[in-house]
PDB file of N, CA and C in Angstrom:
ATOM      1  N   MET A   1      74.360 168.178 109.323  1.00  0.00           N
ATOM      2  CA  MET A   1      74.986 169.469 109.526  1.00  0.00           C
ATOM      3  C   MET A   1      76.500 169.345 109.517  1.00  0.00           C
ATOM      4  N   PHE A   2      77.019 168.400 110.284  1.00  0.00           N
ATOM      5  CA  PHE A   2      78.460 168.211 110.319  1.00  0.00           C
ATOM      6  C   PHE A   2      78.808 166.972 109.518  1.00  0.00           C
ATOM      7  N   GLY A   3      79.715 167.110 108.592  1.00  0.00           N
ATOM      8  CA  GLY A   3      80.132 165.989 107.777  1.00  0.00           C
ATOM      9  C   GLY A   3      81.291 165.257 108.415  1.00  0.00           C
ATOM     10  N   PRO A   4      81.847 164.331 107.706  1.00  0.00           N
ATOM     11  CA  PRO A   4      82.961 163.562 108.254  1.00  0.00           C
ATOM     12  C   PRO A   4      84.221 164.393 108.409  1.00  0.00           C
ATOM     13  N   LEU A   5      84.289 165.512 107.683  1.00  0.00           N
ATOM     14  CA  LEU A   5      85.480 166.347 107.775  1.00  0.00           C
ATOM     15  C   LEU A   5      85.400 167.320 108.938  1.00  0.00           C
ATOM     16  N   GLY A   6      84.206 167.618 109.423  1.00  0.00           N
ATOM     17  CA  GLY A   6      84.024 168.481 110.571  1.00  0.00           C
ATOM     18  C   GLY A   6      84.453 169.917 110.310  1.00  0.00           C
ATOM     19  N   LEU A   7      84.423 170.698 111.355  1.00  0.00           N
ATOM     20  CA  LEU A   7      84.854 172.086 111.258  1.00  0.00           C
ATOM     21  C   LEU A   7      86.375 172.148 111.273  1.00  0.00           C
ATOM     22  N   SER A   8      86.920 173.133 110.591  1.00  0.00           N
ATOM     23  CA  SER A   8      88.365 173.250 110.530  1.00  0.00           C
ATOM     24  C   SER A   8      88.782 174.710 110.630  1.00  0.00           C
ATOM     25  N   LEU A   9      89.776 174.966 111.438  1.00  0.00           N
ATOM     26  CA  LEU A   9      90.359 176.303 111.554  1.00  0.00           C
ATOM     27  C   LEU A   9      91.575 176.459 110.652  1.00  0.00           C
ATOM     28  N   ALA A  10      91.915 175.417 109.923  1.00  0.00           N
ATOM     29  CA  ALA A  10      93.131 175.419 109.114  1.00  0.00           C
ATOM     30  C   ALA A  10      93.200 176.571 108.117  1.00  0.00           C
ATOM     31  N   PRO A  11      92.133 176.893 107.366  1.00  0.00           N
ATOM     32  CA  PRO A  11      92.248 178.015 106.417  1.00  0.00           C
ATOM     33  C   PRO A  11      92.569 179.342 107.102  1.00  0.00           C
ATOM     34  N   ALA A  12      91.958 179.593 108.258  1.00  0.00           N
ATOM     35  CA  ALA A  12      92.231 180.834 108.976  1.00  0.00           C
ATOM     36  C   ALA A  12      93.657 180.859 109.514  1.00  0.00           C
ATOM     37  N   ILE A  13      94.141 179.722 109.969  1.00  0.00           N
ATOM     38  CA  ILE A  13      95.505 179.660 110.512  1.00  0.00           C
ATOM     39  C   ILE A  13      96.528 179.832 109.400  1.00  0.00           C
ATOM     40  N   ARG A  14      96.268 179.243 108.230  1.00  0.00           N
ATOM     41  CA  ARG A  14      97.208 179.373 107.115  1.00  0.00           C
ATOM     42  C   ARG A  14      97.312 180.809 106.609  1.00  0.00           C
ATOM     43  N   ARG A  15      96.238 181.577 106.717  1.00  0.00           N
ATOM     44  CA  ARG A  15      96.254 182.964 106.249  1.00  0.00           C
ATOM     45  C   ARG A  15      97.102 183.861 107.144  1.00  0.00           C
ATOM     46  N   ASN A  16      97.167 183.563 108.430  1.00  0.00           N
ATOM     47  CA  ASN A  16      97.909 184.373 109.383  1.00  0.00           C
ATOM     48  C   ASN A  16      99.297 183.771 109.580  1.00  0.00           C
ATOM     49  N   ARG A  17     100.326 184.443 109.077  1.00  0.00           N
ATOM     50  CA  ARG A  17     101.689 183.884 109.123  1.00  0.00           C
ATOM     51  C   ARG A  17     102.199 183.679 110.538  1.00  0.00           C
ATOM     52  N   THR A  18     101.936 184.615 111.425  1.00  0.00           N
ATOM     53  CA  THR A  18     102.416 184.495 112.796  1.00  0.00           C
ATOM     54  C   THR A  18     101.754 183.316 113.496  1.00  0.00           C
ATOM     55  N   LEU A  19     100.453 183.218 113.360  1.00  0.00           N
ATOM     56  CA  LEU A  19      99.730 182.106 113.974  1.00  0.00           C
ATOM     57  C   LEU A  19     100.170 180.774 113.374  1.00  0.00           C
ATOM     58  N   TYR A  20     100.396 180.755 112.069  1.00  0.00           N
ATOM     59  CA  TYR A  20     100.855 179.540 111.394  1.00  0.00           C
ATOM     60  C   TYR A  20     102.217 179.109 111.938  1.00  0.00           C
ATOM     61  N   ALA A  21     103.106 180.082 112.149  1.00  0.00           N
ATOM     62  CA  ALA A  21     104.441 179.771 112.679  1.00  0.00           C
ATOM     63  C   ALA A  21     104.360 179.179 114.082  1.00  0.00           C
ATOM     64  N   TRP A  22     103.362 179.564 114.860  1.00  0.00           N
ATOM     65  CA  TRP A  22     103.197 179.015 116.205  1.00  0.00           C
ATOM     66  C   TRP A  22     102.514 177.647 116.192  1.00  0.00           C
ATOM     67  N   VAL A  23     101.540 177.490 115.327  1.00  0.00           N
ATOM     68  CA  VAL A  23     100.722 176.271 115.354  1.00  0.00           C
ATOM     69  C   VAL A  23     101.364 175.119 114.580  1.00  0.00           C
ATOM     70  N   LYS A  24     102.106 175.398 113.528  1.00  0.00           N
ATOM     71  CA  LYS A  24     102.661 174.355 112.663  1.00  0.00           C
ATOM     72  C   LYS A  24     103.535 173.350 113.423  1.00  0.00           C
ATOM     73  N   PRO A  25     104.477 173.791 114.276  1.00  0.00           N
ATOM     74  CA  PRO A  25     105.273 172.786 115.018  1.00  0.00           C
ATOM     75  C   PRO A  25     104.421 171.913 115.938  1.00  0.00           C
ATOM     76  N   ILE A  26     103.397 172.491 116.533  1.00  0.00           N
ATOM     77  CA  ILE A  26     102.522 171.710 117.411  1.00  0.00           C
ATOM     78  C   ILE A  26     101.732 170.700 116.586  1.00  0.00           C
ATOM     79  N   ALA A  27     101.253 171.117 115.416  1.00  0.00           N
ATOM     80  CA  ALA A  27     100.503 170.209 114.543  1.00  0.00           C
ATOM     81  C   ALA A  27     101.394 169.074 114.048  1.00  0.00           C
ATOM     82  N   ASP A  28     102.634 169.386 113.688  1.00  0.00           N
ATOM     83  CA  ASP A  28     103.566 168.340 113.249  1.00  0.00           C
ATOM     84  C   ASP A  28     103.857 167.361 114.380  1.00  0.00           C
ATOM     85  N   TRP A  29     104.049 167.895 115.582  1.00  0.00           N
ATOM     86  CA  TRP A  29     104.300 167.029 116.731  1.00  0.00           C
ATOM     87  C   TRP A  29     103.109 166.119 116.985  1.00  0.00           C
ATOM     88  N   TYR A  30     101.891 166.676 116.908  1.00  0.00           N
ATOM     89  CA  TYR A  30     100.687 165.884 117.158  1.00  0.00           C
ATOM     90  C   TYR A  30     100.529 164.779 116.111  1.00  0.00           C
ATOM     91  N   ALA A  31     100.748 165.122 114.838  1.00  0.00           N
ATOM     92  CA  ALA A  31     100.625 164.115 113.781  1.00  0.00           C
ATOM     93  C   ALA A  31     101.649 163.005 113.968  1.00  0.00           C
ATOM     94  N   ASP A  32     102.830 163.360 114.429  1.00  0.00           N
ATOM     95  CA  ASP A  32     103.862 162.349 114.662  1.00  0.00           C
ATOM     96  C   ASP A  32     103.521 161.491 115.877  1.00  0.00           C
ATOM     97  N   THR A  33     102.980 162.120 116.917  1.00  0.00           N
ATOM     98  CA  THR A  33     102.626 161.396 118.137  1.00  0.00           C
ATOM     99  C   THR A  33     101.418 160.491 117.933  1.00  0.00           C
ATOM    100  N   ALA A  34     100.515 160.867 117.026  1.00  0.00           N
ATOM    101  CA  ALA A  34      99.318 160.051 116.783  1.00  0.00           C
ATOM    102  C   ALA A  34      99.692 158.641 116.348  1.00  0.00           C
ATOM    103  N   GLY A  35     100.777 158.496 115.614  1.00  0.00           N
ATOM    104  CA  GLY A  35     101.300 157.179 115.301  1.00  0.00           C
ATOM    105  C   GLY A  35     100.729 156.505 114.073  1.00  0.00           C
ATOM    106  N   TYR A  36      99.791 157.127 113.387  1.00  0.00           N
ATOM    107  CA  TYR A  36      99.209 156.462 112.221  1.00  0.00           C
ATOM    108  C   TYR A  36     100.204 156.350 111.074  1.00  0.00           C
ATOM    109  N   ARG A  37     101.157 157.267 110.988  1.00  0.00           N
ATOM    110  CA  ARG A  37     102.174 157.184 109.929  1.00  0.00           C
ATOM    111  C   ARG A  37     103.168 156.048 110.208  1.00  0.00           C
ATOM    112  N   LYS A  38     103.342 155.724 111.465  1.00  0.00           N
ATOM    113  CA  LYS A  38     104.302 154.677 111.846  1.00  0.00           C
ATOM    114  C   LYS A  38     103.823 153.282 111.461  1.00  0.00           C
ATOM    115  N   VAL A  39     102.520 153.133 111.235  1.00  0.00           N
ATOM    116  CA  VAL A  39     101.986 151.842 110.796  1.00  0.00           C
ATOM    117  C   VAL A  39     101.618 151.872 109.322  1.00  0.00           C
ATOM    118  N   GLY A  40     101.933 152.990 108.638  1.00  0.00           N
ATOM    119  CA  GLY A  40     101.751 153.059 107.197  1.00  0.00           C
ATOM    120  C   GLY A  40     100.444 153.657 106.730  1.00  0.00           C
ATOM    121  N   LEU A  41      99.696 154.322 107.616  1.00  0.00           N
ATOM    122  CA  LEU A  41      98.423 154.914 107.222  1.00  0.00           C
ATOM    123  C   LEU A  41      98.584 156.395 106.883  1.00  0.00           C
ATOM    124  N   LYS A  42      97.694 156.886 106.033  1.00  0.00           N
ATOM    125  CA  LYS A  42      97.602 158.309 105.753  1.00  0.00           C
ATOM    126  C   LYS A  42      96.448 158.873 106.574  1.00  0.00           C
ATOM    127  N   TYR A  43      96.398 160.201 106.670  1.00  0.00           N
ATOM    128  CA  TYR A  43      95.377 160.832 107.514  1.00  0.00           C
ATOM    129  C   TYR A  43      93.960 160.496 107.035  1.00  0.00           C
ATOM    130  N   ASP A  44      93.726 160.500 105.736  1.00  0.00           N
ATOM    131  CA  ASP A  44      92.387 160.225 105.223  1.00  0.00           C
ATOM    132  C   ASP A  44      91.969 158.774 105.439  1.00  0.00           C
ATOM    133  N   ASP A  45      92.900 157.893 105.745  1.00  0.00           N
ATOM    134  CA  ASP A  45      92.537 156.513 106.066  1.00  0.00           C
ATOM    135  C   ASP A  45      91.809 156.436 107.406  1.00  0.00           C
ATOM    136  N   LEU A  46      91.907 157.487 108.228  1.00  0.00           N
ATOM    137  CA  LEU A  46      91.295 157.491 109.546  1.00  0.00           C
ATOM    138  C   LEU A  46      89.835 157.920 109.529  1.00  0.00           C
ATOM    139  N   LEU A  47      89.337 158.392 108.387  1.00  0.00           N
ATOM    140  CA  LEU A  47      87.927 158.782 108.302  1.00  0.00           C
ATOM    141  C   LEU A  47      87.038 157.559 108.510  1.00  0.00           C
ATOM    142  N   VAL A  48      85.934 157.758 109.202  1.00  0.00           N
ATOM    143  CA  VAL A  48      85.002 156.655 109.480  1.00  0.00           C
ATOM    144  C   VAL A  48      84.316 156.289 108.177  1.00  0.00           C
ATOM    145  N   GLU A  49      84.598 155.098 107.670  1.00  0.00           N
ATOM    146  CA  GLU A  49      84.094 154.728 106.350  1.00  0.00           C
ATOM    147  C   GLU A  49      82.704 154.107 106.393  1.00  0.00           C
ATOM    148  N   GLU A  50      82.100 153.976 107.568  1.00  0.00           N
ATOM    149  CA  GLU A  50      80.744 153.459 107.650  1.00  0.00           C
ATOM    150  C   GLU A  50      79.712 154.525 107.306  1.00  0.00           C
ATOM    151  N   ARG A  51      80.135 155.767 107.228  1.00  0.00           N
ATOM    152  CA  ARG A  51      79.209 156.841 106.844  1.00  0.00           C
ATOM    153  C   ARG A  51      78.888 156.701 105.359  1.00  0.00           C
ATOM    154  N   PRO A  52      77.635 156.888 104.970  1.00  0.00           N
ATOM    155  CA  PRO A  52      77.263 156.714 103.558  1.00  0.00           C
ATOM    156  C   PRO A  52      78.006 157.662 102.612  1.00  0.00           C
ATOM    157  N   ASP A  53      78.247 158.903 103.064  1.00  0.00           N
ATOM    158  CA  ASP A  53      78.942 159.842 102.184  1.00  0.00           C
ATOM    159  C   ASP A  53      80.404 159.457 101.993  1.00  0.00           C
ATOM    160  N   VAL A  54      81.032 158.944 103.030  1.00  0.00           N
ATOM    161  CA  VAL A  54      82.426 158.512 102.893  1.00  0.00           C
ATOM    162  C   VAL A  54      82.503 157.244 102.044  1.00  0.00           C
ATOM    163  N   GLU A  55      81.517 156.356 102.187  1.00  0.00           N
ATOM    164  CA  GLU A  55      81.489 155.147 101.351  1.00  0.00           C
ATOM    165  C   GLU A  55      81.405 155.511  99.873  1.00  0.00           C
ATOM    166  N   ARG A  56      80.532 156.459  99.556  1.00  0.00           N
ATOM    167  CA  ARG A  56      80.411 156.879  98.158  1.00  0.00           C
ATOM    168  C   ARG A  56      81.683 157.544  97.673  1.00  0.00           C
ATOM    169  N   ALA A  57      82.350 158.295  98.550  1.00  0.00           N
ATOM    170  CA  ALA A  57      83.611 158.934  98.166  1.00  0.00           C
ATOM    171  C   ALA A  57      84.694 157.887  97.914  1.00  0.00           C
ATOM    172  N   ILE A  58      84.719 156.839  98.722  1.00  0.00           N
ATOM    173  CA  ILE A  58      85.712 155.768  98.532  1.00  0.00           C
ATOM    174  C   ILE A  58      85.454 155.044  97.220  1.00  0.00           C
ATOM    175  N   ASN A  59      84.188 154.872  96.864  1.00  0.00           N
ATOM    176  CA  ASN A  59      83.860 154.217  95.593  1.00  0.00           C
ATOM    177  C   ASN A  59      84.289 155.043  94.388  1.00  0.00           C
ATOM    178  N   ARG A  60      84.496 156.329  94.565  1.00  0.00           N
ATOM    179  CA  ARG A  60      84.916 157.192  93.465  1.00  0.00           C
ATOM    180  C   ARG A  60      86.430 157.219  93.273  1.00  0.00           C
ATOM    181  N   LEU A  61      87.158 156.582  94.161  1.00  0.00           N
ATOM    182  CA  LEU A  61      88.610 156.526  93.997  1.00  0.00           C
ATOM    183  C   LEU A  61      88.965 155.685  92.777  1.00  0.00           C
ATOM    184  N   THR A  62      90.130 155.959  92.217  1.00  0.00           N
ATOM    185  CA  THR A  62      90.595 155.144  91.099  1.00  0.00           C
ATOM    186  C   THR A  62      90.944 153.754  91.619  1.00  0.00           C
ATOM    187  N   PRO A  63      90.969 152.746  90.750  1.00  0.00           N
ATOM    188  CA  PRO A  63      91.331 151.391  91.217  1.00  0.00           C
ATOM    189  C   PRO A  63      92.697 151.353  91.907  1.00  0.00           C
ATOM    190  N   ARG A  64      93.646 152.123  91.420  1.00  0.00           N
ATOM    191  CA  ARG A  64      94.967 152.152  92.052  1.00  0.00           C
ATOM    192  C   ARG A  64      94.899 152.726  93.468  1.00  0.00           C
ATOM    193  N   GLU A  65      94.127 153.819  93.642  1.00  0.00           N
ATOM    194  CA  GLU A  65      93.986 154.413  94.975  1.00  0.00           C
ATOM    195  C   GLU A  65      93.264 153.468  95.924  1.00  0.00           C
ATOM    196  N   GLN A  66      92.268 152.735  95.412  1.00  0.00           N
ATOM    197  CA  GLN A  66      91.568 151.759  96.243  1.00  0.00           C
ATOM    198  C   GLN A  66      92.501 150.628  96.660  1.00  0.00           C
ATOM    199  N   TYR A  67      93.337 150.173  95.733  1.00  0.00           N
ATOM    200  CA  TYR A  67      94.294 149.112  96.049  1.00  0.00           C
ATOM    201  C   TYR A  67      95.299 149.595  97.090  1.00  0.00           C
ATOM    202  N   ASP A  68      95.824 150.811  96.901  1.00  0.00           N
ATOM    203  CA  ASP A  68      96.789 151.356  97.859  1.00  0.00           C
ATOM    204  C   ASP A  68      96.175 151.497  99.242  1.00  0.00           C
ATOM    205  N   ARG A  69      94.922 151.933  99.286  1.00  0.00           N
ATOM    206  CA  ARG A  69      94.226 152.079 100.568  1.00  0.00           C
ATOM    207  C   ARG A  69      94.075 150.720 101.250  1.00  0.00           C
ATOM    208  N   ALA A  70      93.648 149.720 100.497  1.00  0.00           N
ATOM    209  CA  ALA A  70      93.483 148.378 101.072  1.00  0.00           C
ATOM    210  C   ALA A  70      94.821 147.823 101.548  1.00  0.00           C
ATOM    211  N   PHE A  71      95.888 148.076 100.788  1.00  0.00           N
ATOM    212  CA  PHE A  71      97.212 147.609 101.192  1.00  0.00           C
ATOM    213  C   PHE A  71      97.659 148.277 102.486  1.00  0.00           C
ATOM    214  N   ARG A  72      97.409 149.594 102.602  1.00  0.00           N
ATOM    215  CA  ARG A  72      97.790 150.301 103.831  1.00  0.00           C
ATOM    216  C   ARG A  72      97.038 149.734 105.027  1.00  0.00           C
ATOM    217  N   PHE A  73      95.755 149.404 104.841  1.00  0.00           N
ATOM    218  CA  PHE A  73      94.984 148.821 105.948  1.00  0.00           C
ATOM    219  C   PHE A  73      95.496 147.433 106.317  1.00  0.00           C
ATOM    220  N   LYS A  74      95.825 146.616 105.334  1.00  0.00           N
ATOM    221  CA  LYS A  74      96.353 145.282 105.627  1.00  0.00           C
ATOM    222  C   LYS A  74      97.683 145.371 106.367  1.00  0.00           C
ATOM    223  N   ARG A  75      98.524 146.286 105.916  1.00  0.00           N
ATOM    224  CA  ARG A  75      99.832 146.452 106.555  1.00  0.00           C
ATOM    225  C   ARG A  75      99.662 146.981 107.985  1.00  0.00           C
ATOM    226  N   ALA A  76      98.726 147.906 108.195  1.00  0.00           N
ATOM    227  CA  ALA A  76      98.495 148.452 109.533  1.00  0.00           C
ATOM    228  C   ALA A  76      97.907 147.396 110.459  1.00  0.00           C
ATOM    229  N   SER A  77      97.004 146.569 109.941  1.00  0.00           N
ATOM    230  CA  SER A  77      96.441 145.517 110.792  1.00  0.00           C
ATOM    231  C   SER A  77      97.502 144.470 111.135  1.00  0.00           C
ATOM    232  N   HIS A  78      98.410 144.214 110.213  1.00  0.00           N
ATOM    233  CA  HIS A  78      99.522 143.300 110.495  1.00  0.00           C
ATOM    234  C   HIS A  78     100.402 143.867 111.608  1.00  0.00           C
ATOM    235  N   CYS A  79     100.661 145.165 111.559  1.00  0.00           N
ATOM    236  CA  CYS A  79     101.439 145.810 112.625  1.00  0.00           C
ATOM    237  C   CYS A  79     100.700 145.732 113.958  1.00  0.00           C
ATOM    238  N   ALA A  80      99.376 145.864 113.923  1.00  0.00           N
ATOM    239  CA  ALA A  80      98.588 145.797 115.162  1.00  0.00           C
ATOM    240  C   ALA A  80      98.648 144.398 115.762  1.00  0.00           C
ATOM    241  N   VAL A  81      98.616 143.381 114.913  1.00  0.00           N
ATOM    242  CA  VAL A  81      98.694 142.005 115.411  1.00  0.00           C
ATOM    243  C   VAL A  81     100.059 141.740 116.039  1.00  0.00           C
ATOM    244  N   LEU A  82     101.102 142.277 115.422  1.00  0.00           N
ATOM    245  CA  LEU A  82     102.454 142.070 115.935  1.00  0.00           C
ATOM    246  C   LEU A  82     102.811 143.002 117.087  1.00  0.00           C
ATOM    247  N   HIS A  83     101.933 143.994 117.371  1.00  0.00           N
ATOM    248  CA  HIS A  83     102.208 145.011 118.399  1.00  0.00           C
ATOM    249  C   HIS A  83     103.528 145.712 118.122  1.00  0.00           C
ATOM    250  N   ASP A  84     103.733 146.087 116.881  1.00  0.00           N
ATOM    251  CA  ASP A  84     104.998 146.709 116.477  1.00  0.00           C
ATOM    252  C   ASP A  84     104.716 147.717 115.364  1.00  0.00           C
ATOM    253  N   ASN A  85     105.632 148.644 115.180  1.00  0.00           N
ATOM    254  CA  ASN A  85     105.543 149.597 114.079  1.00  0.00           C
ATOM    255  C   ASN A  85     106.365 149.090 112.900  1.00  0.00           C
ATOM    256  N   LEU A  86     106.162 149.720 111.759  1.00  0.00           N
ATOM    257  CA  LEU A  86     106.961 149.401 110.580  1.00  0.00           C
ATOM    258  C   LEU A  86     108.393 149.882 110.787  1.00  0.00           C
ATOM    259  N   PRO A  87     109.342 149.357 110.023  1.00  0.00           N
ATOM    260  CA  PRO A  87     110.692 149.930 110.057  1.00  0.00           C
ATOM    261  C   PRO A  87     110.636 151.405 109.647  1.00  0.00           C
ATOM    262  N   ARG A  88     111.532 152.193 110.172  1.00  0.00           N
ATOM    263  CA  ARG A  88     111.495 153.640 109.963  1.00  0.00           C
ATOM    264  C   ARG A  88     111.475 154.036 108.485  1.00  0.00           C
ATOM    265  N   GLU A  89     112.147 153.304 107.622  1.00  0.00           N
ATOM    266  CA  GLU A  89     112.179 153.678 106.202  1.00  0.00           C
ATOM    267  C   GLU A  89     110.839 153.427 105.505  1.00  0.00           C
ATOM    268  N   GLN A  90     109.928 152.671 106.138  1.00  0.00           N
ATOM    269  CA  GLN A  90     108.614 152.410 105.548  1.00  0.00           C
ATOM    270  C   GLN A  90     107.511 153.304 106.118  1.00  0.00           C
ATOM    271  N   TRP A  91     107.857 154.152 107.089  1.00  0.00           N
ATOM    272  CA  TRP A  91     106.870 155.077 107.628  1.00  0.00           C
ATOM    273  C   TRP A  91     106.425 156.038 106.535  1.00  0.00           C
ATOM    274  N   ILE A  92     105.197 156.507 106.639  1.00  0.00           N
ATOM    275  CA  ILE A  92     104.696 157.523 105.716  1.00  0.00           C
ATOM    276  C   ILE A  92     105.338 158.854 106.094  1.00  0.00           C
ATOM    277  N   LYS A  93     105.998 159.463 105.133  1.00  0.00           N
ATOM    278  CA  LYS A  93     106.633 160.754 105.379  1.00  0.00           C
ATOM    279  C   LYS A  93     105.573 161.852 105.333  1.00  0.00           C
ATOM    280  N   PRO A  94     105.773 162.952 106.053  1.00  0.00           N
ATOM    281  CA  PRO A  94     104.783 164.041 106.023  1.00  0.00           C
ATOM    282  C   PRO A  94     104.511 164.554 104.611  1.00  0.00           C
ATOM    283  N   SER A  95     105.502 164.519 103.737  1.00  0.00           N
ATOM    284  CA  SER A  95     105.274 164.973 102.358  1.00  0.00           C
ATOM    285  C   SER A  95     104.393 163.997 101.581  1.00  0.00           C
ATOM    286  N   GLU A  96     104.377 162.724 101.972  1.00  0.00           N
ATOM    287  CA  GLU A  96     103.548 161.710 101.305  1.00  0.00           C
ATOM    288  C   GLU A  96     102.134 161.654 101.882  1.00  0.00           C
ATOM    289  N   ASP A  97     101.941 162.243 103.058  1.00  0.00           N
ATOM    290  CA  ASP A  97     100.651 162.175 103.742  1.00  0.00           C
ATOM    291  C   ASP A  97      99.718 163.239 103.167  1.00  0.00           C
ATOM    292  N   THR A  98      99.238 162.976 101.958  1.00  0.00           N
ATOM    293  CA  THR A  98      98.360 163.927 101.272  1.00  0.00           C
ATOM    294  C   THR A  98      96.907 163.543 101.508  1.00  0.00           C
ATOM    295  N   ARG A  99      96.038 164.523 101.413  1.00  0.00           N
ATOM    296  CA  ARG A  99      94.601 164.301 101.613  1.00  0.00           C
ATOM    297  C   ARG A  99      93.998 163.846 100.296  1.00  0.00           C
ATOM    298  N   TYR A 100      93.944 162.562 100.061  1.00  0.00           N
ATOM    299  CA  TYR A 100      93.480 162.019  98.783  1.00  0.00           C
ATOM    300  C   TYR A 100      91.968 161.839  98.732  1.00  0.00           C
ATOM    301  N   LEU A 101      91.300 161.863  99.852  1.00  0.00           N
ATOM    302  CA  LEU A 101      89.874 161.564  99.896  1.00  0.00           C
ATOM    303  C   LEU A 101      89.008 162.805 100.115  1.00  0.00           C
ATOM    304  N   VAL A 102      89.610 163.902 100.540  1.00  0.00           N
ATOM    305  CA  VAL A 102      88.853 165.098 100.897  1.00  0.00           C
ATOM    306  C   VAL A 102      88.060 165.645  99.715  1.00  0.00           C
ATOM    307  N   ASN A 103      88.663 165.715  98.550  1.00  0.00           N
ATOM    308  CA  ASN A 103      87.963 166.255  97.382  1.00  0.00           C
ATOM    309  C   ASN A 103      86.715 165.446  97.068  1.00  0.00           C
ATOM    310  N   HIS A 104      86.827 164.140  97.167  1.00  0.00           N
ATOM    311  CA  HIS A 104      85.683 163.279  96.880  1.00  0.00           C
ATOM    312  C   HIS A 104      84.588 163.448  97.939  1.00  0.00           C
ATOM    313  N   VAL A 105      84.973 163.562  99.199  1.00  0.00           N
ATOM    314  CA  VAL A 105      83.994 163.709 100.274  1.00  0.00           C
ATOM    315  C   VAL A 105      83.263 165.044 100.148  1.00  0.00           C
ATOM    316  N   THR A 106      83.986 166.118  99.877  1.00  0.00           N
ATOM    317  CA  THR A 106      83.328 167.420  99.720  1.00  0.00           C
ATOM    318  C   THR A 106      82.407 167.426  98.510  1.00  0.00           C
ATOM    319  N   GLU A 107      82.805 166.748  97.453  1.00  0.00           N
ATOM    320  CA  GLU A 107      81.954 166.640  96.264  1.00  0.00           C
ATOM    321  C   GLU A 107      80.655 165.895  96.592  1.00  0.00           C
ATOM    322  N   VAL A 108      80.755 164.817  97.341  1.00  0.00           N
ATOM    323  CA  VAL A 108      79.576 164.057  97.741  1.00  0.00           C
ATOM    324  C   VAL A 108      78.684 164.908  98.650  1.00  0.00           C
ATOM    325  N   GLU A 109      79.289 165.663  99.573  1.00  0.00           N
ATOM    326  CA  GLU A 109      78.507 166.532 100.452  1.00  0.00           C
ATOM    327  C   GLU A 109      77.763 167.594  99.649  1.00  0.00           C
ATOM    328  N   LYS A 110      78.430 168.183  98.657  1.00  0.00           N
ATOM    329  CA  LYS A 110      77.765 169.182  97.813  1.00  0.00           C
ATOM    330  C   LYS A 110      76.596 168.571  97.055  1.00  0.00           C
ATOM    331  N   GLU A 111      76.799 167.361  96.539  1.00  0.00           N
ATOM    332  CA  GLU A 111      75.711 166.684  95.824  1.00  0.00           C
ATOM    333  C   GLU A 111      74.542 166.386  96.762  1.00  0.00           C
ATOM    334  N   ASP A 112      74.837 165.968  97.994  1.00  0.00           N
ATOM    335  CA  ASP A 112      73.767 165.690  98.958  1.00  0.00           C
ATOM    336  C   ASP A 112      73.005 166.966  99.301  1.00  0.00           C
ATOM    337  N   ASN A 113      73.733 168.068  99.485  1.00  0.00           N
ATOM    338  CA  ASN A 113      73.074 169.342  99.778  1.00  0.00           C
ATOM    339  C   ASN A 113      72.210 169.792  98.612  1.00  0.00           C
ATOM    340  N   GLU A 114      72.715 169.629  97.400  1.00  0.00           N
ATOM    341  CA  GLU A 114      71.939 170.000  96.221  1.00  0.00           C
ATOM    342  C   GLU A 114      70.695 169.113  96.086  1.00  0.00           C
ATOM    343  N   ARG A 115      70.856 167.822  96.348  1.00  0.00           N
ATOM    344  CA  ARG A 115      69.715 166.900  96.282  1.00  0.00           C
ATOM    345  C   ARG A 115      68.678 167.278  97.330  1.00  0.00           C
ATOM    346  N   ARG A 116      69.131 167.622  98.540  1.00  0.00           N
ATOM    347  CA  ARG A 116      68.226 168.042  99.596  1.00  0.00           C
ATOM    348  C   ARG A 116      67.479 169.317  99.206  1.00  0.00           C
ATOM    349  N   MET A 117      68.195 170.239  98.573  1.00  0.00           N
ATOM    350  CA  MET A 117      67.581 171.490  98.141  1.00  0.00           C
ATOM    351  C   MET A 117      66.513 171.228  97.078  1.00  0.00           C
ATOM    352  N   TRP A 118      66.829 170.381  96.095  1.00  0.00           N
ATOM    353  CA  TRP A 118      65.869 170.091  95.029  1.00  0.00           C
ATOM    354  C   TRP A 118      64.691 169.262  95.534  1.00  0.00           C
ATOM    355  N   ASP A 119      64.876 168.480  96.570  1.00  0.00           N
ATOM    356  CA  ASP A 119      63.777 167.699  97.131  1.00  0.00           C
ATOM    357  C   ASP A 119      62.749 168.589  97.824  1.00  0.00           C
ATOM    358  N   ASN A 120      63.150 169.773  98.251  1.00  0.00           N
ATOM    359  CA  ASN A 120      62.255 170.685  98.955  1.00  0.00           C
ATOM    360  C   ASN A 120      61.608 171.718  98.040  1.00  0.00           C
ATOM    361  N   VAL A 121      61.854 171.643  96.762  1.00  0.00           N
ATOM    362  CA  VAL A 121      61.286 172.605  95.830  1.00  0.00           C
ATOM    363  C   VAL A 121      59.823 172.265  95.581  1.00  0.00           C
ATOM    364  N   ASP A 122      58.979 173.290  95.665  1.00  0.00           N
ATOM    365  CA  ASP A 122      57.558 173.111  95.351  1.00  0.00           C
ATOM    366  C   ASP A 122      57.335 173.484  93.897  1.00  0.00           C
ATOM    367  N   VAL A 123      56.768 172.573  93.153  1.00  0.00           N
ATOM    368  CA  VAL A 123      56.493 172.808  91.740  1.00  0.00           C
ATOM    369  C   VAL A 123      55.016 173.155  91.600  1.00  0.00           C
ATOM    370  N   GLU A 124      54.759 174.275  90.966  1.00  0.00           N
ATOM    371  CA  GLU A 124      53.382 174.697  90.755  1.00  0.00           C
ATOM    372  C   GLU A 124      53.074 174.687  89.269  1.00  0.00           C
ATOM    373  N   ARG A 125      51.883 174.333  88.952  1.00  0.00           N
ATOM    374  CA  ARG A 125      51.451 174.290  87.565  1.00  0.00           C
ATOM    375  C   ARG A 125      51.019 175.692  87.118  1.00  0.00           C
ATOM    376  N   ARG A 126      51.509 176.089  85.981  1.00  0.00           N
ATOM    377  CA  ARG A 126      51.125 177.389  85.434  1.00  0.00           C
ATOM    378  C   ARG A 126      49.820 177.242  84.661  1.00  0.00           C
ATOM    379  N   ARG A 127      48.983 178.250  84.705  1.00  0.00           N
ATOM    380  CA  ARG A 127      47.698 178.211  83.998  1.00  0.00           C
ATOM    381  C   ARG A 127      47.639 179.265  82.950  1.00  0.00           C
TER     382      ARG A 127
END
């Protein structure tokens, strides 16, 4: 029922300009406080990759995107070992923090739903 992306109020908030103006600074503050950009990770790197649908989505990435993802993880684990953040010029900027995996995950979810639907179809023989 719930996928790795979960429920999101973002589309409703983006449609309402007043609500967006109130929520956007709080969201920016939260993303900055979370600290994943300070170690070189993007938001989609935080998805739990042990889920079968996320694994299939990761396999659909281009070789360059897979390499970049692996590099970000190696760099973040190095920062964790050193108990330090990257230098400020190497932090992921909010403009660079794009959702690169969401399209693939939603595509996999749609395919799973379609497969589930077709698995429940009863086929009857015509006479």
